[in-house]
C-alpha cells in the first residue's frame, strides 16, 4: 500500500511540474526563443525610455522653538 501511495505522490508531483513548466513557457517562450536565436526580444520602438515631467514637491520648512523648563 505504501508503494502505491508513493507512486501516486510521485506522479502528482511530476504532473504539477509539467503544468508549471508549460505555464512558464507560455508566458516567456517567445523571449526564450529570441534569446536562443540571438535576437532582441522586444522591438527597438518599445525599448525607448519614456520621460515623465513631475513637479518637485515643495516641502514647508520646519521651525523649531526652544522652551526652557524649570527644574523641579
Protein backbone atom coordinates (compact mmCIF):
# COMPACT_ATOMS: atom_id res chain seq x y z
CA UNK A 1 0.00 0.00 0.00
CA UNK A 2 2.88 2.33 0.77
CA UNK A 3 4.34 1.81 -2.69
CA UNK A 4 1.01 2.67 -4.31
CA UNK A 5 0.71 5.91 -2.33
CA UNK A 6 4.33 6.78 -3.04
CA UNK A 7 3.75 6.26 -6.76
CA UNK A 8 0.64 8.42 -6.63
CA UNK A 9 2.54 11.22 -4.88
CA UNK A 10 5.37 10.93 -7.42
CA UNK A 11 3.01 11.07 -10.40
CA UNK A 12 1.13 14.03 -8.90
CA UNK A 13 4.40 15.89 -8.37
CA UNK A 14 5.52 15.20 -11.93
CA UNK A 15 2.16 16.38 -13.29
CA UNK A 16 2.43 19.60 -11.27
CA UNK A 17 5.95 20.24 -12.59
CA UNK A 18 4.78 19.72 -16.17
CA UNK A 19 1.85 22.11 -15.68
CA UNK A 20 4.08 24.78 -14.12
CA UNK A 21 6.70 24.35 -16.84
CA UNK A 22 4.05 24.76 -19.54
CA UNK A 23 2.79 27.93 -17.85
CA UNK A 24 6.30 29.39 -17.74
CA UNK A 25 6.93 28.54 -21.39
CA UNK A 26 3.58 30.01 -22.39
CA UNK A 27 4.40 33.27 -20.65
CA UNK A 28 8.03 33.71 -21.67
CA UNK A 29 8.53 31.24 -24.53
CA UNK A 30 8.91 34.00 -27.13
CA UNK A 31 11.64 35.67 -25.09
CA UNK A 32 13.49 32.39 -24.66
CA UNK A 33 13.27 31.61 -28.38
CA UNK A 34 14.53 35.10 -29.28
CA UNK A 35 17.43 34.74 -26.86
CA UNK A 36 18.41 31.39 -28.37
CA UNK A 37 18.37 32.93 -31.85
CA UNK A 38 20.43 35.90 -30.63
CA UNK A 39 17.77 38.48 -31.41
CA UNK A 40 16.30 41.09 -29.08
CA UNK A 41 13.03 40.02 -27.50
CA UNK A 42 11.39 43.42 -27.93
CA UNK A 43 11.37 45.81 -30.84
CA UNK A 44 13.50 48.99 -30.61
CA UNK A 45 10.39 51.16 -30.54
CA UNK A 46 9.31 49.60 -27.26
CA UNK A 47 12.79 49.88 -25.76
CA UNK A 48 12.82 53.70 -25.80
CA UNK A 49 12.63 55.19 -22.31
CA UNK A 50 9.68 57.40 -21.53
CA UNK A 51 10.43 60.56 -19.61
CA UNK A 52 7.78 61.95 -17.36
CA UNK A 53 7.79 65.51 -16.15
CA UNK A 54 7.00 65.71 -12.49
CA UNK A 55 6.78 68.85 -10.45
CA UNK A 56 9.12 68.77 -7.49
CA UNK A 57 7.27 68.66 -4.22
CA UNK A 58 7.90 71.75 -2.17
CA UNK A 59 8.24 70.87 1.46
CA UNK A 60 7.39 73.50 4.02
CA UNK A 61 10.40 74.41 6.16
CA UNK A 62 10.28 73.12 9.71
CA UNK A 63 10.69 75.59 12.51
CA UNK A 64 11.97 74.68 15.92
CA UNK A 65 11.35 76.65 19.10
CA UNK A 66 13.27 76.33 22.32
CA UNK A 67 11.47 76.04 25.62
CA UNK A 68 13.15 76.24 28.98
CA UNK A 69 11.68 74.27 31.83
CA UNK A 70 12.42 74.89 35.40
CA UNK A 71 13.97 72.04 37.35
CA UNK A 72 11.67 70.64 39.99
